[in-house]
C-alpha cells in the first residue's frame, strides 16, 4: 500500500501481530515446515527457510520449536502435510485481495475463505482474476525520518530495483525476490533498520477507501486474516482511519 497511509497500515499490522502472538507462531510454524520440505533443512542452501527462521526468531519462537519443525518437515519426525493454496477475490469497492493459505484440508479452507468473503461484502474470484494487479517482490519499509539519500545509496548498490518515499516520509525499498536477502544484509550492515521486511505481493495501483467503506474493508480483512489456515493477505486498498 502506497501513499499517506503506508506507515499507519504497517503499525496496524504490527499491532495486530503483537496481540495474536499464538496465531503468528502457528503461521510461522507452517511456513518453516513447508519451506524445509520444499528446499531441505540446510538454511545455507534454502533462502526461504532461512527467512522463515529469521521471522520466527524475531517473534521470539524458542529455538527448540524451530528445530522440531525443521526435523518434522525433513522426515526426522512424523508430522502433518501442508499444501499451499492461493485464493483471489474482491473486497469492498472492488478492491483486489489475494489470500495465501497453508492447509491439510483443502475443502475446509476454501469453504471458510468463501464464507468470509460473502458474509462481509466481498466475492471470491477465479484463479488469476486479480493477481495481475500485484508484483511479486521483496519489500523493505523504513521509518519516517530515515535518510533517503543513505537508503538509496546502500540499497541500489546492493541490487535493489527502486527506492520510494511516501507522503508520510516512510521509505520503501523494492527488490527482485532473488535479491531480497542481499539487500537486507546491506541495509543491516549500514545500520538502516527496516520496520517491515518481506517477500510480498505488492499492489501496482491502490484504491482509496474511507468512512463506512474503509471500515467494512478492514473488517473483511480482519476476518480473513483470523482464519486458521490463512498465512498472508495482500490487497490494494488504502484505508483511511
C-alpha atoms as a PDB file:
ATOM      1  CA  UNK A   1       0.000   0.000   0.000  1.00  0.00           C
ATOM      2  CA  UNK A   2       1.424   3.317  -1.054  1.00  0.00           C
ATOM      3  CA  UNK A   3       0.664   6.899  -0.141  1.00  0.00           C
ATOM      4  CA  UNK A   4      -0.008   8.641   3.121  1.00  0.00           C
ATOM      5  CA  UNK A   5      -1.456   5.637   4.950  1.00  0.00           C
ATOM      6  CA  UNK A   6       1.500   3.275   4.386  1.00  0.00           C
ATOM      7  CA  UNK A   7       3.102   3.830   7.793  1.00  0.00           C
ATOM      8  CA  UNK A   8      -0.230   3.722   9.626  1.00  0.00           C
ATOM      9  CA  UNK A   9      -1.128   0.464   7.911  1.00  0.00           C
ATOM     10  CA  UNK A  10       2.210  -1.085   8.872  1.00  0.00           C
ATOM     11  CA  UNK A  11       1.794  -0.072  12.502  1.00  0.00           C
ATOM     12  CA  UNK A  12      -1.721  -1.526  12.473  1.00  0.00           C
ATOM     13  CA  UNK A  13      -0.395  -4.834  11.150  1.00  0.00           C
ATOM     14  CA  UNK A  14       2.386  -4.969  13.726  1.00  0.00           C
ATOM     15  CA  UNK A  15      -0.072  -4.196  16.496  1.00  0.00           C
ATOM     16  CA  UNK A  16      -2.402  -6.990  15.449  1.00  0.00           C
ATOM     17  CA  UNK A  17       0.510  -9.429  15.272  1.00  0.00           C
ATOM     18  CA  UNK A  18       1.599  -8.494  18.775  1.00  0.00           C
ATOM     19  CA  UNK A  19      -1.952  -9.055  20.028  1.00  0.00           C
ATOM     20  CA  UNK A  20      -2.100 -12.508  18.451  1.00  0.00           C
ATOM     21  CA  UNK A  21       1.300 -13.970  19.199  1.00  0.00           C
ATOM     22  CA  UNK A  22      -0.028 -17.539  19.255  1.00  0.00           C
ATOM     23  CA  UNK A  23      -1.511 -17.170  15.772  1.00  0.00           C
ATOM     24  CA  UNK A  24       1.748 -15.686  14.495  1.00  0.00           C
ATOM     25  CA  UNK A  25       3.670 -18.715  15.806  1.00  0.00           C
ATOM     26  CA  UNK A  26       1.214 -21.067  14.100  1.00  0.00           C
ATOM     27  CA  UNK A  27       1.717 -19.338  10.765  1.00  0.00           C
ATOM     28  CA  UNK A  28       5.477 -19.302  11.159  1.00  0.00           C
ATOM     29  CA  UNK A  29       5.487 -22.985  12.063  1.00  0.00           C
ATOM     30  CA  UNK A  30       3.659 -23.844   8.858  1.00  0.00           C
ATOM     31  CA  UNK A  31       5.994 -21.672   6.798  1.00  0.00           C
ATOM     32  CA  UNK A  32       9.051 -23.370   8.320  1.00  0.00           C
ATOM     33  CA  UNK A  33       7.611 -26.828   7.629  1.00  0.00           C
ATOM     34  CA  UNK A  34       6.674 -26.076   4.024  1.00  0.00           C
ATOM     35  CA  UNK A  35       9.973 -24.293   3.300  1.00  0.00           C
ATOM     36  CA  UNK A  36      12.051 -27.116   4.778  1.00  0.00           C
ATOM     37  CA  UNK A  37      10.056 -29.779   2.975  1.00  0.00           C
ATOM     38  CA  UNK A  38      10.401 -27.964  -0.354  1.00  0.00           C
ATOM     39  CA  UNK A  39      14.055 -26.960  -0.150  1.00  0.00           C
ATOM     40  CA  UNK A  40      15.645 -29.081   2.565  1.00  0.00           C
ATOM     41  CA  UNK A  41      16.697 -28.351   6.128  1.00  0.00           C
ATOM     42  CA  UNK A  42      20.021 -26.605   5.400  1.00  0.00           C
ATOM     43  CA  UNK A  43      19.484 -22.858   5.822  1.00  0.00           C
ATOM     44  CA  UNK A  44      22.631 -22.142   3.811  1.00  0.00           C
ATOM     45  CA  UNK A  45      21.042 -23.786   0.782  1.00  0.00           C
ATOM     46  CA  UNK A  46      17.427 -22.765   1.400  1.00  0.00           C
ATOM     47  CA  UNK A  47      16.776 -18.965   1.427  1.00  0.00           C
ATOM     48  CA  UNK A  48      13.061 -19.419   2.058  1.00  0.00           C
ATOM     49  CA  UNK A  49      13.733 -21.490   5.175  1.00  0.00           C
ATOM     50  CA  UNK A  50      16.349 -19.006   6.346  1.00  0.00           C
ATOM     51  CA  UNK A  51      13.835 -16.142   6.039  1.00  0.00           C
ATOM     52  CA  UNK A  52      11.156 -18.156   7.862  1.00  0.00           C
ATOM     53  CA  UNK A  53      13.538 -18.932  10.722  1.00  0.00           C
ATOM     54  CA  UNK A  54      14.606 -15.281  10.934  1.00  0.00           C
ATOM     55  CA  UNK A  55      10.950 -14.278  11.250  1.00  0.00           C
ATOM     56  CA  UNK A  56      10.381 -16.957  13.888  1.00  0.00           C
ATOM     57  CA  UNK A  57      13.315 -15.704  15.928  1.00  0.00           C
ATOM     58  CA  UNK A  58      12.046 -12.131  15.626  1.00  0.00           C
ATOM     59  CA  UNK A  59       8.708 -13.366  17.003  1.00  0.00           C
ATOM     60  CA  UNK A  60      10.558 -14.952  19.954  1.00  0.00           C
ATOM     61  CA  UNK A  61       9.827 -18.530  18.949  1.00  0.00           C
ATOM     62  CA  UNK A  62      12.096 -20.864  21.001  1.00  0.00           C
ATOM     63  CA  UNK A  63      14.982 -22.492  19.129  1.00  0.00           C
ATOM     64  CA  UNK A  64      13.723 -25.961  20.131  1.00  0.00           C
ATOM     65  CA  UNK A  65      10.405 -25.265  18.419  1.00  0.00           C
ATOM     66  CA  UNK A  66      12.169 -24.161  15.261  1.00  0.00           C
ATOM     67  CA  UNK A  67      14.416 -27.242  15.160  1.00  0.00           C
ATOM     68  CA  UNK A  68      11.499 -29.586  15.826  1.00  0.00           C
ATOM     69  CA  UNK A  69       9.549 -28.134  12.912  1.00  0.00           C
ATOM     70  CA  UNK A  70      12.506 -28.440  10.546  1.00  0.00           C
ATOM     71  CA  UNK A  71      13.007 -32.054  11.657  1.00  0.00           C
ATOM     72  CA  UNK A  72       9.304 -32.736  11.178  1.00  0.00           C
ATOM     73  CA  UNK A  73       9.419 -31.400   7.630  1.00  0.00           C
ATOM     74  CA  UNK A  74      12.578 -33.237   6.608  1.00  0.00           C
ATOM     75  CA  UNK A  75      11.357 -36.625   7.769  1.00  0.00           C
ATOM     76  CA  UNK A  76      13.061 -36.884  11.142  1.00  0.00           C
ATOM     77  CA  UNK A  77       9.698 -36.611  12.902  1.00  0.00           C
ATOM     78  CA  UNK A  78       6.173 -37.557  11.879  1.00  0.00           C
ATOM     79  CA  UNK A  79       4.030 -34.550  11.071  1.00  0.00           C
ATOM     80  CA  UNK A  80       1.050 -33.180   9.197  1.00  0.00           C
ATOM     81  CA  UNK A  81       1.467 -32.495   5.472  1.00  0.00           C
ATOM     82  CA  UNK A  82       0.501 -28.963   4.448  1.00  0.00           C
ATOM     83  CA  UNK A  83      -0.124 -27.711   0.938  1.00  0.00           C
ATOM     84  CA  UNK A  84      -0.007 -24.124  -0.254  1.00  0.00           C
ATOM     85  CA  UNK A  85      -3.123 -22.659  -1.892  1.00  0.00           C
ATOM     86  CA  UNK A  86      -3.788 -19.146  -3.187  1.00  0.00           C
ATOM     87  CA  UNK A  87      -7.256 -17.622  -3.461  1.00  0.00           C
ATOM     88  CA  UNK A  88      -8.130 -14.378  -5.234  1.00  0.00           C
ATOM     89  CA  UNK A  89     -11.140 -12.172  -4.783  1.00  0.00           C
ATOM     90  CA  UNK A  90     -12.682  -8.743  -4.470  1.00  0.00           C
ATOM     91  CA  UNK A  91     -13.357  -6.696  -1.375  1.00  0.00           C
ATOM     92  CA  UNK A  92     -15.314  -3.509  -0.778  1.00  0.00           C
ATOM     93  CA  UNK A  93     -15.362  -1.081  -3.694  1.00  0.00           C
ATOM     94  CA  UNK A  94     -13.800  -3.650  -5.995  1.00  0.00           C
ATOM     95  CA  UNK A  95     -10.530  -3.773  -4.051  1.00  0.00           C
ATOM     96  CA  UNK A  96      -8.326  -6.691  -5.087  1.00  0.00           C
ATOM     97  CA  UNK A  97      -7.476  -9.310  -2.446  1.00  0.00           C
ATOM     98  CA  UNK A  98      -5.050 -12.253  -2.522  1.00  0.00           C
ATOM     99  CA  UNK A  99      -5.225 -14.851   0.254  1.00  0.00           C
ATOM    100  CA  UNK A 100      -2.339 -17.298   0.707  1.00  0.00           C
ATOM    101  CA  UNK A 101      -3.127 -20.385   2.785  1.00  0.00           C
ATOM    102  CA  UNK A 102      -1.381 -23.472   4.089  1.00  0.00           C
ATOM    103  CA  UNK A 103      -3.740 -26.301   4.848  1.00  0.00           C
ATOM    104  CA  UNK A 104      -4.085 -30.006   5.480  1.00  0.00           C
ATOM    105  CA  UNK A 105      -7.702 -29.888   4.287  1.00  0.00           C
ATOM    106  CA  UNK A 106      -8.381 -28.017   1.031  1.00  0.00           C
ATOM    107  CA  UNK A 107     -12.168 -28.467   1.221  1.00  0.00           C
ATOM    108  CA  UNK A 108     -12.364 -26.876   4.684  1.00  0.00           C
ATOM    109  CA  UNK A 109     -10.143 -23.981   3.706  1.00  0.00           C
ATOM    110  CA  UNK A 110     -11.943 -22.933   0.533  1.00  0.00           C
ATOM    111  CA  UNK A 111     -15.283 -23.103   2.367  1.00  0.00           C
ATOM    112  CA  UNK A 112     -14.015 -20.838   5.147  1.00  0.00           C
ATOM    113  CA  UNK A 113     -12.444 -18.326   2.757  1.00  0.00           C
ATOM    114  CA  UNK A 114     -15.537 -18.201   0.539  1.00  0.00           C
ATOM    115  CA  UNK A 115     -17.790 -17.733   3.571  1.00  0.00           C
ATOM    116  CA  UNK A 116     -15.668 -14.844   4.872  1.00  0.00           C
ATOM    117  CA  UNK A 117     -15.766 -13.060   1.521  1.00  0.00           C
ATOM    118  CA  UNK A 118     -19.507 -13.480   1.021  1.00  0.00           C
ATOM    119  CA  UNK A 119     -20.538 -12.656   4.596  1.00  0.00           C
ATOM    120  CA  UNK A 120     -18.532  -9.443   4.799  1.00  0.00           C
ATOM    121  CA  UNK A 121     -19.247  -7.881   1.432  1.00  0.00           C
ATOM    122  CA  UNK A 122     -16.638  -9.404  -0.880  1.00  0.00           C
ATOM    123  CA  UNK A 123     -16.578 -12.018  -3.611  1.00  0.00           C
ATOM    124  CA  UNK A 124     -14.235 -14.957  -4.112  1.00  0.00           C
ATOM    125  CA  UNK A 125     -12.888 -14.841  -7.672  1.00  0.00           C
ATOM    126  CA  UNK A 126     -11.210 -17.308 -10.002  1.00  0.00           C
ATOM    127  CA  UNK A 127      -7.501 -18.026 -10.291  1.00  0.00           C
ATOM    128  CA  UNK A 128      -5.762 -15.106 -11.999  1.00  0.00           C
ATOM    129  CA  UNK A 129      -8.667 -12.696 -11.512  1.00  0.00           C
ATOM    130  CA  UNK A 130      -6.657 -10.152  -9.508  1.00  0.00           C
ATOM    131  CA  UNK A 131      -3.061 -11.431  -9.335  1.00  0.00           C
ATOM    132  CA  UNK A 132      -2.088  -9.371 -12.395  1.00  0.00           C
ATOM    133  CA  UNK A 133      -2.613  -6.241 -10.266  1.00  0.00           C
ATOM    134  CA  UNK A 134       0.268  -7.226  -7.961  1.00  0.00           C
ATOM    135  CA  UNK A 135       4.034  -7.598  -8.299  1.00  0.00           C
ATOM    136  CA  UNK A 136       5.934 -10.418  -6.577  1.00  0.00           C
ATOM    137  CA  UNK A 137       8.896  -8.663  -4.986  1.00  0.00           C
ATOM    138  CA  UNK A 138      10.997  -8.058  -1.911  1.00  0.00           C
ATOM    139  CA  UNK A 139       9.938  -5.062   0.165  1.00  0.00           C
ATOM    140  CA  UNK A 140      11.565  -3.137   2.996  1.00  0.00           C
ATOM    141  CA  UNK A 141       9.841  -0.255   4.805  1.00  0.00           C
ATOM    142  CA  UNK A 142      11.964   2.147   6.868  1.00  0.00           C
ATOM    143  CA  UNK A 143      10.551   4.641   9.351  1.00  0.00           C
ATOM    144  CA  UNK A 144       9.895   8.305   8.514  1.00  0.00           C
ATOM    145  CA  UNK A 145      12.994  10.336   9.337  1.00  0.00           C
ATOM    146  CA  UNK A 146      15.442   7.805   7.911  1.00  0.00           C
ATOM    147  CA  UNK A 147      17.934   9.345   5.474  1.00  0.00           C
ATOM    148  CA  UNK A 148      16.544   8.827   1.994  1.00  0.00           C
ATOM    149  CA  UNK A 149      19.927   9.511   0.374  1.00  0.00           C
ATOM    150  CA  UNK A 150      21.663   6.926   2.550  1.00  0.00           C
ATOM    151  CA  UNK A 151      18.982   4.292   1.937  1.00  0.00           C
ATOM    152  CA  UNK A 152      19.143   4.916  -1.804  1.00  0.00           C
ATOM    153  CA  UNK A 153      22.926   4.683  -1.856  1.00  0.00           C
ATOM    154  CA  UNK A 154      23.066   1.417   0.091  1.00  0.00           C
ATOM    155  CA  UNK A 155      20.031  -0.278  -1.429  1.00  0.00           C
ATOM    156  CA  UNK A 156      20.755   0.440  -5.082  1.00  0.00           C
ATOM    157  CA  UNK A 157      24.388  -0.564  -4.662  1.00  0.00           C
ATOM    158  CA  UNK A 158      23.183  -3.906  -3.252  1.00  0.00           C
ATOM    159  CA  UNK A 159      20.883  -4.546  -6.207  1.00  0.00           C
ATOM    160  CA  UNK A 160      17.526  -3.001  -5.253  1.00  0.00           C
ATOM    161  CA  UNK A 161      15.167  -2.116  -8.100  1.00  0.00           C
ATOM    162  CA  UNK A 162      13.732   1.080  -6.640  1.00  0.00           C
ATOM    163  CA  UNK A 163      13.577   3.320  -3.571  1.00  0.00           C
ATOM    164  CA  UNK A 164      10.354   5.258  -2.942  1.00  0.00           C
ATOM    165  CA  UNK A 165       9.436   7.829  -0.307  1.00  0.00           C
ATOM    166  CA  UNK A 166       5.790   8.134   0.711  1.00  0.00           C
ATOM    167  CA  UNK A 167       3.858  11.245   1.659  1.00  0.00           C
ATOM    168  CA  UNK A 168       4.239  10.223   5.296  1.00  0.00           C
ATOM    169  CA  UNK A 169       8.046  10.050   4.984  1.00  0.00           C
ATOM    170  CA  UNK A 170       8.283   6.260   5.135  1.00  0.00           C
ATOM    171  CA  UNK A 171      10.900   4.883   2.738  1.00  0.00           C
ATOM    172  CA  UNK A 172      10.150   1.791   0.664  1.00  0.00           C
ATOM    173  CA  UNK A 173      12.827  -0.342  -0.964  1.00  0.00           C
ATOM    174  CA  UNK A 174      11.747  -2.716  -3.747  1.00  0.00           C
ATOM    175  CA  UNK A 175      13.853  -5.692  -4.859  1.00  0.00           C
ATOM    176  CA  UNK A 176      13.541  -8.749  -7.036  1.00  0.00           C
ATOM    177  CA  UNK A 177      12.736 -11.748  -4.803  1.00  0.00           C
ATOM    178  CA  UNK A 178      16.171 -13.226  -5.530  1.00  0.00           C
ATOM    179  CA  UNK A 179      17.899 -10.044  -4.331  1.00  0.00           C
ATOM    180  CA  UNK A 180      15.872  -9.658  -1.127  1.00  0.00           C
ATOM    181  CA  UNK A 181      18.423 -11.271   1.166  1.00  0.00           C
ATOM    182  CA  UNK A 182      21.434  -9.387  -0.238  1.00  0.00           C
ATOM    183  CA  UNK A 183      19.697  -6.015   0.036  1.00  0.00           C
ATOM    184  CA  UNK A 184      18.523  -6.822   3.573  1.00  0.00           C
ATOM    185  CA  UNK A 185      22.055  -7.660   4.670  1.00  0.00           C
ATOM    186  CA  UNK A 186      23.381  -4.457   3.108  1.00  0.00           C
ATOM    187  CA  UNK A 187      20.789  -2.305   4.891  1.00  0.00           C
ATOM    188  CA  UNK A 188      21.503  -4.028   8.196  1.00  0.00           C
ATOM    189  CA  UNK A 189      25.278  -3.625   7.784  1.00  0.00           C
ATOM    190  CA  UNK A 190      24.754   0.093   7.156  1.00  0.00           C
ATOM    191  CA  UNK A 191      22.724   0.446  10.360  1.00  0.00           C
ATOM    192  CA  UNK A 192      19.482   1.023   8.467  1.00  0.00           C
ATOM    193  CA  UNK A 193      16.687  -0.827  10.293  1.00  0.00           C
ATOM    194  CA  UNK A 194      13.645  -1.894   8.303  1.00  0.00           C
ATOM    195  CA  UNK A 195      10.397  -1.965  10.270  1.00  0.00           C
ATOM    196  CA  UNK A 196       8.965  -4.342   7.691  1.00  0.00           C
ATOM    197  CA  UNK A 197      10.982  -6.764   5.555  1.00  0.00           C
ATOM    198  CA  UNK A 198       9.281  -9.436   3.476  1.00  0.00           C
ATOM    199  CA  UNK A 199       8.880 -11.048   0.100  1.00  0.00           C
ATOM    200  CA  UNK A 200       5.389  -9.988  -0.789  1.00  0.00           C
ATOM    201  CA  UNK A 201       2.739  -9.345  -3.418  1.00  0.00           C
ATOM    202  CA  UNK A 202       2.840  -5.554  -3.819  1.00  0.00           C
ATOM    203  CA  UNK A 203      -0.148  -3.784  -5.330  1.00  0.00           C
ATOM    204  CA  UNK A 204       0.730  -1.919  -8.540  1.00  0.00           C
ATOM    205  CA  UNK A 205      -2.145   0.529  -8.007  1.00  0.00           C
ATOM    206  CA  UNK A 206      -4.274   1.254  -4.958  1.00  0.00           C
ATOM    207  CA  UNK A 207      -7.925   2.024  -4.268  1.00  0.00           C
ATOM    208  CA  UNK A 208      -8.686   4.610  -1.585  1.00  0.00           C
ATOM    209  CA  UNK A 209     -11.426   3.652   0.873  1.00  0.00           C
ATOM    210  CA  UNK A 210     -12.663   5.794   3.754  1.00  0.00           C
ATOM    211  CA  UNK A 211     -15.607   6.105   6.120  1.00  0.00           C
ATOM    212  CA  UNK A 212     -18.044   3.204   6.040  1.00  0.00           C
ATOM    213  CA  UNK A 213     -16.327   1.581   3.057  1.00  0.00           C
ATOM    214  CA  UNK A 214     -12.958   1.702   4.804  1.00  0.00           C
ATOM    215  CA  UNK A 215     -14.396   0.207   7.992  1.00  0.00           C
ATOM    216  CA  UNK A 216     -16.133  -2.598   6.081  1.00  0.00           C
ATOM    217  CA  UNK A 217     -12.960  -3.397   4.156  1.00  0.00           C
ATOM    218  CA  UNK A 218     -10.921  -3.533   7.355  1.00  0.00           C
ATOM    219  CA  UNK A 219     -13.495  -5.875   8.898  1.00  0.00           C
ATOM    220  CA  UNK A 220     -13.321  -8.169   5.858  1.00  0.00           C
ATOM    221  CA  UNK A 221      -9.519  -8.252   6.019  1.00  0.00           C
ATOM    222  CA  UNK A 222      -9.529  -8.895   9.772  1.00  0.00           C
ATOM    223  CA  UNK A 223     -11.936 -11.827   9.413  1.00  0.00           C
ATOM    224  CA  UNK A 224      -9.916 -13.404   6.599  1.00  0.00           C
ATOM    225  CA  UNK A 225      -6.613 -12.932   8.454  1.00  0.00           C
ATOM    226  CA  UNK A 226      -8.101 -14.634  11.525  1.00  0.00           C
ATOM    227  CA  UNK A 227      -8.890 -17.853   9.649  1.00  0.00           C
ATOM    228  CA  UNK A 228      -6.686 -20.678  10.916  1.00  0.00           C
ATOM    229  CA  UNK A 229      -5.352 -21.706   7.504  1.00  0.00           C
ATOM    230  CA  UNK A 230      -4.516 -18.196   6.259  1.00  0.00           C
ATOM    231  CA  UNK A 231      -0.832 -17.290   6.087  1.00  0.00           C
ATOM    232  CA  UNK A 232      -0.883 -13.923   4.315  1.00  0.00           C
ATOM    233  CA  UNK A 233      -3.406 -11.477   2.921  1.00  0.00           C
ATOM    234  CA  UNK A 234      -2.418  -8.966   0.230  1.00  0.00           C
ATOM    235  CA  UNK A 235      -4.716  -6.225  -1.067  1.00  0.00           C
ATOM    236  CA  UNK A 236      -4.688  -2.915  -2.895  1.00  0.00           C
ATOM    237  CA  UNK A 237      -6.975  -0.960  -0.542  1.00  0.00           C
ATOM    238  CA  UNK A 238      -5.625   2.221   1.012  1.00  0.00           C
ATOM    239  CA  UNK A 239      -7.763   2.561   4.120  1.00  0.00           C
ATOM    240  CA  UNK A 240      -8.169   5.940   5.819  1.00  0.00           C
ATOM    241  CA  UNK A 241      -8.817   5.595   9.542  1.00  0.00           C
END
